[in-house]
Protein backbone atom coordinates (compact mmCIF):
# COMPACT_ATOMS: atom_id res chain seq x y z
CA MET A 1 -30.30 18.14 -4.05
CA ILE A 2 -26.63 18.92 -4.84
CA VAL A 3 -25.72 16.02 -2.87
CA ILE A 4 -28.49 13.60 -4.66
CA ILE A 5 -27.26 15.26 -8.12
CA SER A 6 -22.96 14.67 -7.41
CA ILE A 7 -24.24 11.02 -6.13
CA PHE A 8 -25.69 10.27 -9.46
CA ILE A 9 -22.61 11.85 -11.20
CA ILE A 10 -20.10 10.74 -9.09
CA LEU A 11 -21.58 7.17 -10.57
CA LEU A 12 -22.11 7.46 -13.73
CA ALA A 13 -18.32 8.47 -13.39
CA PHE A 14 -17.75 5.07 -12.13
CA ILE A 15 -20.11 3.30 -15.05
CA MET A 16 -18.97 5.13 -17.92
CA GLY A 17 -15.18 4.14 -16.13
CA SER A 18 -17.18 -0.16 -16.19
CA LEU A 19 -17.25 -0.16 -19.90
CA PRO A 20 -13.97 -3.04 -21.20
CA PHE A 21 -14.54 -0.60 -25.06
CA SER A 22 -11.30 -2.24 -25.56
CA VAL A 23 -12.92 -5.81 -24.70
CA TRP A 24 -15.56 -4.58 -26.85
CA ILE A 25 -13.65 -3.55 -29.61
CA ALA A 26 -11.12 -6.33 -30.85
CA GLN A 27 -14.44 -8.57 -30.21
CA LEU A 28 -16.45 -6.21 -33.09
CA ALA A 29 -13.50 -6.60 -35.00
CA ARG A 30 -12.37 -10.24 -35.50
CA ASN A 31 -13.83 -11.81 -32.58
CA ILE A 32 -10.24 -11.66 -30.41
CA ASP A 33 -10.63 -11.89 -26.83
CA ILE A 34 -7.62 -9.79 -25.33
CA ARG A 35 -7.47 -11.11 -22.09
CA GLN A 36 -5.37 -14.07 -23.62
CA TYR A 37 -3.09 -11.76 -25.41
CA GLY A 38 0.50 -9.95 -23.37
CA ASP A 39 -0.78 -9.73 -19.16
CA GLY A 40 -3.84 -10.07 -19.65
CA ASN A 41 -4.64 -6.62 -19.13
CA PRO A 42 -8.73 -6.11 -20.94
CA GLY A 43 -7.15 -2.87 -22.37
CA ALA A 44 -6.19 -0.47 -24.93
CA THR A 45 -2.65 -2.01 -24.87
CA ASN A 46 -3.70 -5.69 -26.01
CA VAL A 47 -5.34 -5.00 -28.69
CA PHE A 48 -2.62 -3.83 -30.17
CA ARG A 49 -0.54 -6.54 -28.83
CA ALA A 50 -4.12 -8.94 -31.11
CA GLY A 51 -2.31 -7.24 -34.02
CA LEU A 52 -5.42 -4.43 -34.45
CA VAL A 53 -3.32 -1.30 -34.63
CA GLY A 54 -6.24 0.63 -35.94
CA TRP A 55 -9.06 -0.50 -33.49
CA GLY A 56 -5.98 -0.50 -30.41
CA ILE A 57 -6.36 3.40 -31.82
CA VAL A 58 -9.71 4.00 -30.82
CA ALA A 59 -9.82 1.73 -28.18
CA VAL A 60 -6.48 3.89 -26.80
CA PHE A 61 -9.79 6.86 -27.86
CA ALA A 62 -12.40 4.74 -26.17
CA ASP A 63 -10.86 5.21 -22.87
CA VAL A 64 -8.74 8.34 -22.84
CA PHE A 65 -13.23 9.68 -23.58
CA LYS A 66 -14.83 7.21 -20.93
CA GLY A 67 -12.96 9.72 -17.47
CA ILE A 68 -14.01 13.35 -19.50
CA PRO A 69 -18.10 13.41 -19.51
CA PRO A 70 -18.51 13.87 -15.56
CA ILE A 71 -17.32 16.09 -14.71
CA ILE A 72 -17.72 18.43 -18.50
CA ILE A 73 -20.78 17.88 -16.86
CA GLY A 74 -20.43 18.10 -13.45
CA ASN A 75 -18.57 21.05 -13.89
CA PHE A 76 -19.42 23.46 -16.92
CA ILE A 77 -23.12 21.85 -16.21
CA ILE A 78 -23.97 21.59 -12.50
CA GLY A 79 -21.13 23.47 -10.86
CA LEU A 80 -20.17 20.92 -8.91
CA GLN A 81 -16.51 22.59 -6.40
CA GLN A 82 -13.60 21.11 -7.18
CA PRO A 83 -12.94 18.10 -4.75
CA ILE A 84 -16.50 16.67 -6.33
CA LEU A 85 -15.77 16.60 -9.31
CA TYR A 86 -11.32 15.27 -8.94
CA ILE A 87 -14.28 12.38 -7.14
CA THR A 88 -15.73 11.73 -9.60
CA GLY A 89 -12.27 11.32 -11.01
CA VAL A 90 -10.83 8.46 -8.43
CA ALA A 91 -14.58 7.02 -9.12
CA ALA A 92 -14.31 6.76 -13.40
CA VAL A 93 -10.78 4.99 -12.92
CA LEU A 94 -12.55 2.82 -10.02
CA GLY A 95 -14.47 2.12 -12.57
CA HIS A 96 -11.92 1.40 -15.20
CA ALA A 97 -9.81 -1.23 -12.92
CA TYR A 98 -12.81 -2.16 -11.01
CA SER A 99 -14.68 -3.71 -14.32
CA PRO A 100 -18.79 -4.54 -12.45
CA PHE A 101 -19.07 -5.77 -16.56
CA LEU A 102 -16.31 -8.29 -16.25
CA GLY A 103 -16.71 -9.43 -13.05
CA PHE A 104 -14.80 -6.04 -11.13
CA ARG A 105 -11.40 -6.93 -13.52
CA GLY A 106 -10.32 -4.91 -15.36
CA GLY A 107 -7.19 -3.30 -15.77
CA LYS A 108 -4.79 -0.03 -15.53
CA ALA A 109 -7.14 2.66 -16.00
CA LEU A 110 -4.38 5.17 -17.27
CA ALA A 111 -5.98 5.98 -20.57
CA VAL A 112 -8.80 7.04 -18.49
CA PHE A 113 -6.90 8.81 -16.11
CA GLY A 114 -6.11 11.14 -18.91
CA GLY A 115 -9.02 11.78 -19.11
CA THR A 116 -10.78 13.12 -16.25
CA LEU A 117 -6.70 15.77 -16.30
CA ILE A 118 -8.28 16.47 -19.91
CA ALA A 119 -11.72 17.35 -18.57
CA LEU A 120 -10.33 19.07 -14.61
CA MET A 121 -7.71 20.59 -17.72
CA ARG A 122 -5.09 20.06 -15.76
CA TRP A 123 -2.11 20.82 -19.16
CA ASP A 124 0.11 20.99 -16.29
CA ILE A 125 -0.27 17.53 -14.51
CA ILE A 126 -0.48 16.48 -17.76
CA ALA A 127 3.10 17.66 -19.14
CA VAL A 128 4.54 16.70 -16.07
CA LEU A 129 3.72 13.15 -15.96
CA ALA A 130 4.48 13.15 -20.12
CA ALA A 131 8.03 14.68 -19.32
CA LEU A 132 8.38 11.44 -16.58
CA PHE A 133 6.96 9.48 -17.73
CA ILE A 134 10.07 9.66 -20.91
CA VAL A 135 12.28 9.50 -18.74
CA GLY A 136 11.09 6.82 -16.57
CA ALA A 137 11.09 4.43 -19.40
CA LEU A 138 14.87 5.54 -20.79
CA PHE A 139 15.37 4.60 -16.97
CA PHE A 140 12.84 1.41 -16.51
CA ILE A 141 12.46 -1.30 -19.39
CA ASN A 142 9.44 -2.73 -17.25
CA ASP A 143 6.96 0.30 -17.88
CA ALA A 144 5.21 -0.63 -13.98
CA TRP A 145 8.49 0.62 -12.95
CA THR A 146 7.95 4.11 -15.02
CA VAL A 147 4.40 4.56 -14.61
CA LEU A 148 5.33 4.57 -10.77
CA PHE A 149 8.16 6.89 -11.28
CA GLY A 150 5.79 9.81 -12.80
CA MET A 151 3.74 9.83 -10.45
CA PHE A 152 5.70 9.47 -7.44
CA GLY A 153 7.47 12.74 -9.56
CA LEU A 154 4.48 13.62 -10.01
CA LEU A 155 3.20 14.31 -5.69
CA VAL A 156 7.26 16.31 -5.70
CA TYR A 157 5.71 18.23 -8.28
CA LEU A 158 2.52 18.83 -6.81
CA LEU A 159 3.58 18.25 -2.78
CA LEU A 160 6.81 21.42 -3.56
CA LEU A 161 6.57 23.17 -6.99
CA LYS A 162 3.88 23.45 -6.93
CA PRO A 163 1.85 23.25 -3.82
CA ASP A 164 -2.09 21.69 -5.05
CA MET A 165 -3.74 19.88 -1.89
CA LEU A 166 -6.38 18.85 -3.64
CA ALA A 167 -4.69 17.09 -6.93
CA PHE A 168 -1.76 15.48 -4.53
CA ILE A 169 -4.28 14.06 -2.74
CA PHE A 170 -6.11 12.89 -6.62
CA ILE A 171 -2.68 12.11 -7.65
CA SER A 172 -1.86 10.20 -4.05
CA VAL A 173 -5.43 8.13 -4.83
CA ILE A 174 -4.69 7.39 -9.06
CA THR A 175 -1.34 6.18 -7.54
CA PHE A 176 -3.00 3.80 -4.65
CA ILE A 177 -4.82 2.49 -7.58
CA PHE A 178 -1.86 1.52 -10.38
CA ILE A 179 -0.13 -0.28 -7.38
CA LEU A 180 -2.64 -2.68 -5.73
CA LYS A 181 -3.65 -3.27 -9.90
CA GLN A 182 0.56 -4.07 -10.61
CA ARG A 183 1.97 -5.30 -7.04
CA HIS A 184 2.40 -8.17 -9.39
CA SER A 185 5.08 -6.13 -11.74
CA PHE A 186 6.64 -4.34 -9.01
CA LYS A 187 9.05 -7.38 -7.48
CA THR A 188 11.95 -6.55 -9.55
CA VAL A 189 13.87 -3.63 -10.32
CA GLN A 190 15.05 -3.14 -13.72
CA PHE A 191 16.34 0.58 -13.31
CA PRO A 192 19.14 0.98 -14.51
CA ASN A 193 18.88 -1.40 -17.24
CA GLY A 194 16.63 0.20 -19.00
CA ARG A 195 15.77 1.39 -23.06
CA LEU A 196 19.64 3.94 -22.09
CA MET A 197 21.25 2.01 -20.11
CA GLY A 198 19.81 -0.90 -22.83
CA TRP A 199 21.30 2.26 -25.82
CA ILE A 200 25.08 3.00 -24.10
CA LYS A 201 25.97 -0.55 -24.51
CA SER A 202 24.48 -1.82 -27.60
CA ARG A 203 26.99 1.54 -28.94
CA ARG A 204 29.62 0.08 -27.11
CA ARG A 205 29.29 -3.38 -28.30
CA VAL A 206 29.90 -0.92 -31.48
CA ALA A 207 32.45 0.42 -31.46
């Protein structure tokens, strides 16, 4: 019975993750297809790029939320073991990245990934990842490289500083999915011409 329940929770996570809330929100709010903006990504970022700031905030919360209920149900109501909970998290991310509602295309899945971390109560991972994203943003203009910097830094943290093999495997899979989704963005490396270097150069010109 527990196997059947586990499969149901994993499928529920995939289905919830696949719900393209950002696309639907923009269409309902202004009849806008956000895939015609920015990088064509059907995620919350392009809701902002379409000029729908308020609705963009709603879309972010909706995308984060998608990763939470299945894990919460599996953990606190059913009592599933941690490996199944991590697999549930991967399913939610895969659902967003390859949504059947969008012809098995989807977004970068960072928001839903954040939701899975919240549901898993991995506050340490959230804190470390946030710090690494901030550091990466100082050195990389390309957001894809910033995220990759953060993810690989997190893997080092989970391997050397706070060994956790289950979490390491989980983050490795999520990183692989992200690389697949963003492989076109890694053609050029912009380090160290990021925001920090741009600011330093601007100060030199002023001086």
